[in-house]
Amino acid sequence: MRSAGHKRRSVSRFAQTARPRAIAYWLFAVAVLIVVMVGVGGITRLTESGLSITEWKLVTGTLPPLSDAAWLAEFEKYKRIPEYQQINAGMSLEAFKGIYFWEYLHRLLGRLIGVAFALPLLWFAIRRAIPQGYGPRLVGLLVLGGLQGVIGWWMVTSGLAERTDVSHFRLAAHLLLALFILAALVWTALDLRALARDPGYRPARLTAVAVWTGLILFVQLVYGAFVAGLNAGLVTNQWPLMNGKFFPSEVLAVRPFPDAMLNDPAMIHWFHRWWAWVTVAALIVLARRARAAGDRKASVAIHIAFGTQILLGIATVWTSVHLHVAATHQVVGALVVAAAAWGAHSIGRRR
C-alpha cells in the first residue's frame, strides 16, 4: 500500500511539473523550421546546387570556406564529379559560390533544426515537463531527424560517382521523411495543446478516412519528388494538354508501362498532374469530416492549402518551372501535409 501511495504521489508531482502547452508551442516552431527547410531544399534542387558540397562534415562543415584558398579547394573537389565534368565544365568560381550557397544553407538549416529540437527536449526532460506517455514519441522524432540527415547524405552520394544528378528514388525518400516528421510534429503538438486544456485528454487516433487520405497524398508526394528529381516539369509548358496531347502515348512505344511510371519524365509528369485531382477529392472528404467534428478552422486550412497548391502547380508548368513559382509550390505542398495532419487529428479526437 505504501508503494502504491508513493507511486501515486510521484505521478501527481510529475503531472504538476508537466508543461504540455509550452512543448506544443515548441513543436509548432520546429514544424515552421521544417517548412522553411523544405523550401530551401526545393531551391537547392531547382538551382542544381545539391552536389556542390561533396563531403559530409557534421561539425566542421558548419562553417563555409573563409579564404580564397578554402574556396579553391572546395571548387577542386566539385570538379572531380560527373556533374561538373559533363554539364558545368568551365564554370567560374563565382558561379560555383552561387550554387554552394544553397546547399550550404540547406545543410545549415538541418543542423539548426537538430539543435532546436534536441536541446529543448533535453531541457524539458530535465525539468520533468514532458507529460507521461509523450517522452518516447518525442525521442522517436529526434531519431527520425537524425535519420533524415543520414538519408540526405545517402541521396547526395548517388550523384558523386557515375550520375550527373541524384537518384530520384533517394530524393523521394529524403523529402517524404521530412514531410512525415512535419506531420508527426503537428499531430503531437495538437495532442499536447488539447492535453493542456483538458488533463483527462487521451491522444487522438488514426481513423480509416485519415489513413486513406494519407495514402493517396503519399502517392502524390512521391510523384512530386520524382518530378523534381527527373526535371519532369520541363517536359511541357502546357496545361491541361501535354505538347498538344492529353496522354504521352509515345512513351509506351519505347519502354514498358511499369518502367515508364517509375523512370520516364513525361509519364511521371502526366501522372502527377492528374493524380492531384484524386488527392483533392480525398482532401475534400477529410475537410468535410473535420468540419463535422467541429473543427472548421482545420477544414478551411485544408481547402486553402490544396486550392493554392493546384494553382501553383499549373503556374509552375505554364512558366516552364520558374524558380520562385516552383519553390513556392513545394512549400505549399508541405503546408498541405500540415493541414491534412490537422484535419486527420480533428476527426481522430476521442470524445
Foldseek 3Di string as FASTA:
>chain_A
DVVVVVVVVVLVVLVVLADLLVLLVLLVVLLVLLLVLLLLVLLLLVLVLQQLAPDDDPPVLLDQDDDPVSLVVSVVLSCQFPLCVPPVPPPDSVVSVVSPVSNSVSSNSLVVSLCSLVVVLVVCVVSSHHRPPCNVVSVVLSVLSVVLVVLSSVQNVCRGYPHSFGDLQSQLVSVVSSLVSSLSSLQSSVQSVVCVVPVVFDRFDFDPLLVVLVVLLSVLSSLVSVCSRVVLLLQALDPPAGVPHNAPVVVCVVDPPVCCCRHPSRNSLNCNLVSLVVSVVSLQVLLVLLVVLVNNVLSVQLVVLSVVLNVLSNVCSNVSNDSVSVSVSSSSSSSNSSSSSVSSRSNRTDD
